[in-house]
Amino acid sequence: MKTVNSLEQMETIISKNKNLSWDGWNVVEMIKSDKALTSKYGARKDGAWYLKKVFVVSRNGWEIPDKYVA
């Protein structure tokens, strides 16, 4: 996990990744998956199942997976 502490950097990361979106100040990752149907992280969106993970902002910024930070 990497820490992103700049709003501008996080906006750039979200604009380049279709799996990420904003929910207020938090960042939401939605990955389409059949496993989501029975997962506690499952969420239904537009008729499909997704695994949903929310990255909550803290004083230090956002802790997000390395794959999103270049």
PDB file of N, CA and C in Angstrom:
ATOM      1  N   MET A   1       0.841  -1.179   0.000  1.00  0.00           N
ATOM      2  CA  MET A   1       0.000   0.000   0.000  1.00  0.00           C
ATOM      3  C   MET A   1       0.886   1.243   0.000  1.00  0.00           C
ATOM      4  N   LYS A   2       0.453   2.221  -0.735  1.00  0.00           N
ATOM      5  CA  LYS A   2       1.163   3.500  -0.803  1.00  0.00           C
ATOM      6  C   LYS A   2       0.267   4.596  -0.232  1.00  0.00           C
ATOM      7  N   THR A   3       0.884   5.605   0.307  1.00  0.00           N
ATOM      8  CA  THR A   3       0.143   6.757   0.822  1.00  0.00           C
ATOM      9  C   THR A   3       0.184   7.877  -0.210  1.00  0.00           C
ATOM     10  N   VAL A   4      -0.990   8.380  -0.539  1.00  0.00           N
ATOM     11  CA  VAL A   4      -1.110   9.541  -1.414  1.00  0.00           C
ATOM     12  C   VAL A   4      -1.614  10.673  -0.534  1.00  0.00           C
ATOM     13  N   ASN A   5      -0.835  11.739  -0.418  1.00  0.00           N
ATOM     14  CA  ASN A   5      -1.234  12.827   0.478  1.00  0.00           C
ATOM     15  C   ASN A   5      -1.546  14.121  -0.254  1.00  0.00           C
ATOM     16  N   SER A   6      -1.674  14.061  -1.549  1.00  0.00           N
ATOM     17  CA  SER A   6      -1.981  15.243  -2.347  1.00  0.00           C
ATOM     18  C   SER A   6      -3.306  15.034  -3.080  1.00  0.00           C
ATOM     19  N   LEU A   7      -4.220  15.964  -2.897  1.00  0.00           N
ATOM     20  CA  LEU A   7      -5.508  15.894  -3.585  1.00  0.00           C
ATOM     21  C   LEU A   7      -5.304  15.880  -5.103  1.00  0.00           C
ATOM     22  N   GLU A   8      -4.392  16.686  -5.595  1.00  0.00           N
ATOM     23  CA  GLU A   8      -4.128  16.747  -7.031  1.00  0.00           C
ATOM     24  C   GLU A   8      -3.631  15.401  -7.554  1.00  0.00           C
ATOM     25  N   GLN A   9      -2.740  14.749  -6.806  1.00  0.00           N
ATOM     26  CA  GLN A   9      -2.228  13.443  -7.216  1.00  0.00           C
ATOM     27  C   GLN A   9      -3.356  12.406  -7.221  1.00  0.00           C
ATOM     28  N   MET A  10      -4.216  12.445  -6.190  1.00  0.00           N
ATOM     29  CA  MET A  10      -5.321  11.480  -6.128  1.00  0.00           C
ATOM     30  C   MET A  10      -6.309  11.728  -7.267  1.00  0.00           C
ATOM     31  N   GLU A  11      -6.594  12.957  -7.602  1.00  0.00           N
ATOM     32  CA  GLU A  11      -7.481  13.249  -8.730  1.00  0.00           C
ATOM     33  C   GLU A  11      -6.909  12.693 -10.030  1.00  0.00           C
ATOM     34  N   THR A  12      -5.602  12.793 -10.218  1.00  0.00           N
ATOM     35  CA  THR A  12      -4.943  12.252 -11.405  1.00  0.00           C
ATOM     36  C   THR A  12      -5.058  10.732 -11.429  1.00  0.00           C
ATOM     37  N   ILE A  13      -4.822  10.092 -10.294  1.00  0.00           N
ATOM     38  CA  ILE A  13      -4.906   8.630 -10.204  1.00  0.00           C
ATOM     39  C   ILE A  13      -6.320   8.170 -10.544  1.00  0.00           C
ATOM     40  N   ILE A  14      -7.324   8.828  -9.991  1.00  0.00           N
ATOM     41  CA  ILE A  14      -8.720   8.441 -10.254  1.00  0.00           C
ATOM     42  C   ILE A  14      -9.086   8.668 -11.712  1.00  0.00           C
ATOM     43  N   SER A  15      -8.620   9.750 -12.304  1.00  0.00           N
ATOM     44  CA  SER A  15      -8.948  10.029 -13.707  1.00  0.00           C
ATOM     45  C   SER A  15      -8.344   8.992 -14.657  1.00  0.00           C
ATOM     46  N   LYS A  16      -7.274   8.307 -14.242  1.00  0.00           N
ATOM     47  CA  LYS A  16      -6.607   7.321 -15.087  1.00  0.00           C
ATOM     48  C   LYS A  16      -7.071   5.888 -14.825  1.00  0.00           C
ATOM     49  N   ASN A  17      -7.935   5.676 -13.828  1.00  0.00           N
ATOM     50  CA  ASN A  17      -8.354   4.329 -13.451  1.00  0.00           C
ATOM     51  C   ASN A  17      -9.869   4.234 -13.379  1.00  0.00           C
ATOM     52  N   LYS A  18     -10.449   3.462 -14.285  1.00  0.00           N
ATOM     53  CA  LYS A  18     -11.912   3.357 -14.351  1.00  0.00           C
ATOM     54  C   LYS A  18     -12.502   2.622 -13.153  1.00  0.00           C
ATOM     55  N   ASN A  19     -11.685   1.895 -12.391  1.00  0.00           N
ATOM     56  CA  ASN A  19     -12.170   1.180 -11.206  1.00  0.00           C
ATOM     57  C   ASN A  19     -12.306   2.082  -9.987  1.00  0.00           C
ATOM     58  N   LEU A  20     -11.786   3.294 -10.062  1.00  0.00           N
ATOM     59  CA  LEU A  20     -11.797   4.200  -8.924  1.00  0.00           C
ATOM     60  C   LEU A  20     -12.762   5.350  -9.140  1.00  0.00           C
ATOM     61  N   SER A  21     -13.374   5.786  -8.030  1.00  0.00           N
ATOM     62  CA  SER A  21     -14.258   6.950  -8.075  1.00  0.00           C
ATOM     63  C   SER A  21     -14.274   7.607  -6.700  1.00  0.00           C
ATOM     64  N   TRP A  22     -14.848   8.788  -6.646  1.00  0.00           N
ATOM     65  CA  TRP A  22     -14.967   9.522  -5.391  1.00  0.00           C
ATOM     66  C   TRP A  22     -16.295   9.203  -4.717  1.00  0.00           C
ATOM     67  N   ASP A  23     -16.300   9.180  -3.394  1.00  0.00           N
ATOM     68  CA  ASP A  23     -17.507   9.181  -2.570  1.00  0.00           C
ATOM     69  C   ASP A  23     -17.212  10.170  -1.449  1.00  0.00           C
ATOM     70  N   GLY A  24     -17.554  11.416  -1.694  1.00  0.00           N
ATOM     71  CA  GLY A  24     -17.134  12.475  -0.780  1.00  0.00           C
ATOM     72  C   GLY A  24     -15.626  12.607  -0.883  1.00  0.00           C
ATOM     73  N   TRP A  25     -14.930  12.523   0.254  1.00  0.00           N
ATOM     74  CA  TRP A  25     -13.466  12.582   0.264  1.00  0.00           C
ATOM     75  C   TRP A  25     -12.832  11.205   0.169  1.00  0.00           C
ATOM     76  N   ASN A  26     -13.644  10.166   0.254  1.00  0.00           N
ATOM     77  CA  ASN A  26     -13.139   8.797   0.194  1.00  0.00           C
ATOM     78  C   ASN A  26     -13.045   8.321  -1.255  1.00  0.00           C
ATOM     79  N   VAL A  27     -12.160   7.358  -1.483  1.00  0.00           N
ATOM     80  CA  VAL A  27     -11.967   6.777  -2.809  1.00  0.00           C
ATOM     81  C   VAL A  27     -12.567   5.372  -2.795  1.00  0.00           C
ATOM     82  N   VAL A  28     -13.358   5.063  -3.824  1.00  0.00           N
ATOM     83  CA  VAL A  28     -14.021   3.766  -3.922  1.00  0.00           C
ATOM     84  C   VAL A  28     -13.440   2.997  -5.101  1.00  0.00           C
ATOM     85  N   GLU A  29     -13.090   1.731  -4.836  1.00  0.00           N
ATOM     86  CA  GLU A  29     -12.622   0.818  -5.886  1.00  0.00           C
ATOM     87  C   GLU A  29     -13.742  -0.186  -6.142  1.00  0.00           C
ATOM     88  N   MET A  30     -14.176  -0.307  -7.390  1.00  0.00           N
ATOM     89  CA  MET A  30     -15.218  -1.263  -7.774  1.00  0.00           C
ATOM     90  C   MET A  30     -14.647  -2.153  -8.876  1.00  0.00           C
ATOM     91  N   ILE A  31     -14.564  -3.469  -8.589  1.00  0.00           N
ATOM     92  CA  ILE A  31     -14.031  -4.426  -9.554  1.00  0.00           C
ATOM     93  C   ILE A  31     -15.107  -5.463  -9.835  1.00  0.00           C
ATOM     94  N   LYS A  32     -15.491  -5.578 -11.099  1.00  0.00           N
ATOM     95  CA  LYS A  32     -16.532  -6.522 -11.498  1.00  0.00           C
ATOM     96  C   LYS A  32     -16.072  -7.948 -11.220  1.00  0.00           C
ATOM     97  N   SER A  33     -16.952  -8.727 -10.544  1.00  0.00           N
ATOM     98  CA  SER A  33     -16.582 -10.084 -10.176  1.00  0.00           C
ATOM     99  C   SER A  33     -17.812 -10.917  -9.848  1.00  0.00           C
ATOM    100  N   ASP A  34     -17.833 -12.159 -10.294  1.00  0.00           N
ATOM    101  CA  ASP A  34     -18.901 -13.079  -9.942  1.00  0.00           C
ATOM    102  C   ASP A  34     -18.836 -13.440  -8.455  1.00  0.00           C
ATOM    103  N   LYS A  35     -17.667 -13.373  -7.868  1.00  0.00           N
ATOM    104  CA  LYS A  35     -17.493 -13.681  -6.448  1.00  0.00           C
ATOM    105  C   LYS A  35     -18.205 -12.663  -5.556  1.00  0.00           C
ATOM    106  N   ALA A  36     -18.495 -11.496  -6.084  1.00  0.00           N
ATOM    107  CA  ALA A  36     -19.128 -10.438  -5.305  1.00  0.00           C
ATOM    108  C   ALA A  36     -20.530 -10.822  -4.848  1.00  0.00           C
ATOM    109  N   LEU A  37     -21.174 -11.708  -5.563  1.00  0.00           N
ATOM    110  CA  LEU A  37     -22.536 -12.137  -5.235  1.00  0.00           C
ATOM    111  C   LEU A  37     -22.629 -12.670  -3.809  1.00  0.00           C
ATOM    112  N   THR A  38     -21.605 -13.366  -3.334  1.00  0.00           N
ATOM    113  CA  THR A  38     -21.625 -13.952  -1.992  1.00  0.00           C
ATOM    114  C   THR A  38     -20.615 -13.311  -1.047  1.00  0.00           C
ATOM    115  N   SER A  39     -19.950 -12.276  -1.471  1.00  0.00           N
ATOM    116  CA  SER A  39     -18.936 -11.623  -0.660  1.00  0.00           C
ATOM    117  C   SER A  39     -19.545 -10.525   0.209  1.00  0.00           C
ATOM    118  N   LYS A  40     -18.974 -10.327   1.403  1.00  0.00           N
ATOM    119  CA  LYS A  40     -19.427  -9.219   2.251  1.00  0.00           C
ATOM    120  C   LYS A  40     -19.028  -7.869   1.650  1.00  0.00           C
ATOM    121  N   TYR A  41     -18.144  -7.894   0.667  1.00  0.00           N
ATOM    122  CA  TYR A  41     -17.738  -6.675  -0.030  1.00  0.00           C
ATOM    123  C   TYR A  41     -18.486  -6.499  -1.355  1.00  0.00           C
ATOM    124  N   GLY A  42     -19.467  -7.341  -1.591  1.00  0.00           N
ATOM    125  CA  GLY A  42     -20.226  -7.294  -2.836  1.00  0.00           C
ATOM    126  C   GLY A  42     -21.159  -6.102  -2.897  1.00  0.00           C
ATOM    127  N   ALA A  43     -21.264  -5.528  -4.082  1.00  0.00           N
ATOM    128  CA  ALA A  43     -22.169  -4.409  -4.327  1.00  0.00           C
ATOM    129  C   ALA A  43     -22.711  -4.548  -5.745  1.00  0.00           C
ATOM    130  N   ARG A  44     -23.983  -4.255  -5.906  1.00  0.00           N
ATOM    131  CA  ARG A  44     -24.610  -4.352  -7.221  1.00  0.00           C
ATOM    132  C   ARG A  44     -24.675  -2.962  -7.837  1.00  0.00           C
ATOM    133  N   LYS A  45     -24.253  -2.876  -9.087  1.00  0.00           N
ATOM    134  CA  LYS A  45     -24.241  -1.587  -9.796  1.00  0.00           C
ATOM    135  C   LYS A  45     -24.578  -1.850 -11.256  1.00  0.00           C
ATOM    136  N   ASP A  46     -25.566  -1.142 -11.761  1.00  0.00           N
ATOM    137  CA  ASP A  46     -25.963  -1.255 -13.169  1.00  0.00           C
ATOM    138  C   ASP A  46     -26.209  -2.703 -13.585  1.00  0.00           C
ATOM    139  N   GLY A  47     -26.836  -3.491 -12.694  1.00  0.00           N
ATOM    140  CA  GLY A  47     -27.193  -4.859 -13.025  1.00  0.00           C
ATOM    141  C   GLY A  47     -26.059  -5.861 -12.947  1.00  0.00           C
ATOM    142  N   ALA A  48     -24.898  -5.457 -12.440  1.00  0.00           N
ATOM    143  CA  ALA A  48     -23.751  -6.362 -12.333  1.00  0.00           C
ATOM    144  C   ALA A  48     -23.222  -6.327 -10.903  1.00  0.00           C
ATOM    145  N   TRP A  49     -22.488  -7.386 -10.529  1.00  0.00           N
ATOM    146  CA  TRP A  49     -21.900  -7.479  -9.200  1.00  0.00           C
ATOM    147  C   TRP A  49     -20.437  -7.044  -9.219  1.00  0.00           C
ATOM    148  N   TYR A  50     -20.074  -6.284  -8.188  1.00  0.00           N
ATOM    149  CA  TYR A  50     -18.712  -5.753  -8.051  1.00  0.00           C
ATOM    150  C   TYR A  50     -18.209  -5.988  -6.635  1.00  0.00           C
ATOM    151  N   LEU A  51     -16.907  -6.163  -6.502  1.00  0.00           N
ATOM    152  CA  LEU A  51     -16.265  -6.122  -5.202  1.00  0.00           C
ATOM    153  C   LEU A  51     -15.936  -4.660  -4.923  1.00  0.00           C
ATOM    154  N   LYS A  52     -16.392  -4.177  -3.796  1.00  0.00           N
ATOM    155  CA  LYS A  52     -16.251  -2.761  -3.457  1.00  0.00           C
ATOM    156  C   LYS A  52     -15.323  -2.594  -2.264  1.00  0.00           C
ATOM    157  N   LYS A  53     -14.361  -1.711  -2.419  1.00  0.00           N
ATOM    158  CA  LYS A  53     -13.457  -1.377  -1.317  1.00  0.00           C
ATOM    159  C   LYS A  53     -13.384   0.144  -1.215  1.00  0.00           C
ATOM    160  N   VAL A  54     -13.476   0.636   0.000  1.00  0.00           N
ATOM    161  CA  VAL A  54     -13.443   2.082   0.234  1.00  0.00           C
ATOM    162  C   VAL A  54     -12.144   2.430   0.953  1.00  0.00           C
ATOM    163  N   PHE A  55     -11.429   3.397   0.402  1.00  0.00           N
ATOM    164  CA  PHE A  55     -10.200   3.909   1.000  1.00  0.00           C
ATOM    165  C   PHE A  55     -10.538   5.253   1.656  1.00  0.00           C
ATOM    166  N   VAL A  56     -10.572   5.234   2.971  1.00  0.00           N
ATOM    167  CA  VAL A  56     -10.986   6.407   3.739  1.00  0.00           C
ATOM    168  C   VAL A  56      -9.802   7.354   3.895  1.00  0.00           C
ATOM    169  N   VAL A  57     -10.074   8.622   3.681  1.00  0.00           N
ATOM    170  CA  VAL A  57      -9.025   9.628   3.841  1.00  0.00           C
ATOM    171  C   VAL A  57      -8.720   9.803   5.330  1.00  0.00           C
ATOM    172  N   SER A  58      -7.436  10.022   5.635  1.00  0.00           N
ATOM    173  CA  SER A  58      -7.006  10.281   7.009  1.00  0.00           C
ATOM    174  C   SER A  58      -6.146  11.543   7.016  1.00  0.00           C
ATOM    175  N   ARG A  59      -5.591  11.857   8.139  1.00  0.00           N
ATOM    176  CA  ARG A  59      -4.693  13.026   8.227  1.00  0.00           C
ATOM    177  C   ARG A  59      -3.509  12.901   7.284  1.00  0.00           C
ATOM    178  N   ASN A  60      -3.098  11.653   7.024  1.00  0.00           N
ATOM    179  CA  ASN A  60      -1.931  11.409   6.172  1.00  0.00           C
ATOM    180  C   ASN A  60      -2.281  11.257   4.697  1.00  0.00           C
ATOM    181  N   GLY A  61      -3.556  11.244   4.360  1.00  0.00           N
ATOM    182  CA  GLY A  61      -3.979  11.071   2.973  1.00  0.00           C
ATOM    183  C   GLY A  61      -4.720   9.757   2.798  1.00  0.00           C
ATOM    184  N   TRP A  62      -4.530   9.122   1.660  1.00  0.00           N
ATOM    185  CA  TRP A  62      -5.211   7.870   1.332  1.00  0.00           C
ATOM    186  C   TRP A  62      -4.196   6.746   1.220  1.00  0.00           C
ATOM    187  N   GLU A  63      -4.488   5.605   1.827  1.00  0.00           N
ATOM    188  CA  GLU A  63      -3.678   4.402   1.673  1.00  0.00           C
ATOM    189  C   GLU A  63      -4.336   3.594   0.553  1.00  0.00           C
ATOM    190  N   ILE A  64      -3.678   3.503  -0.612  1.00  0.00           N
ATOM    191  CA  ILE A  64      -4.241   2.780  -1.742  1.00  0.00           C
ATOM    192  C   ILE A  64      -3.238   1.754  -2.256  1.00  0.00           C
ATOM    193  N   PRO A  65      -3.729   0.743  -2.966  1.00  0.00           N
ATOM    194  CA  PRO A  65      -2.815  -0.297  -3.492  1.00  0.00           C
ATOM    195  C   PRO A  65      -1.728   0.279  -4.387  1.00  0.00           C
ATOM    196  N   ASP A  66      -0.566  -0.360  -4.333  1.00  0.00           N
ATOM    197  CA  ASP A  66       0.584   0.081  -5.132  1.00  0.00           C
ATOM    198  C   ASP A  66       0.272   0.162  -6.619  1.00  0.00           C
ATOM    199  N   LYS A  67      -0.588  -0.737  -7.107  1.00  0.00           N
ATOM    200  CA  LYS A  67      -0.863  -0.788  -8.551  1.00  0.00           C
ATOM    201  C   LYS A  67      -1.446   0.508  -9.093  1.00  0.00           C
ATOM    202  N   TYR A  68      -2.017   1.356  -8.236  1.00  0.00           N
ATOM    203  CA  TYR A  68      -2.599   2.610  -8.705  1.00  0.00           C
ATOM    204  C   TYR A  68      -1.615   3.780  -8.666  1.00  0.00           C
ATOM    205  N   VAL A  69      -0.524   3.623  -7.936  1.00  0.00           N
ATOM    206  CA  VAL A  69       0.451   4.709  -7.789  1.00  0.00           C
ATOM    207  C   VAL A  69       1.655   4.429  -8.675  1.00  0.00           C
ATOM    208  N   ALA A  70       1.933   5.342  -9.597  1.00  0.00           N
ATOM    209  CA  ALA A  70       3.056   5.138 -10.522  1.00  0.00           C
ATOM    210  C   ALA A  70       4.376   5.522  -9.880  1.00  0.00           C
TER     211      ALA A  70
END
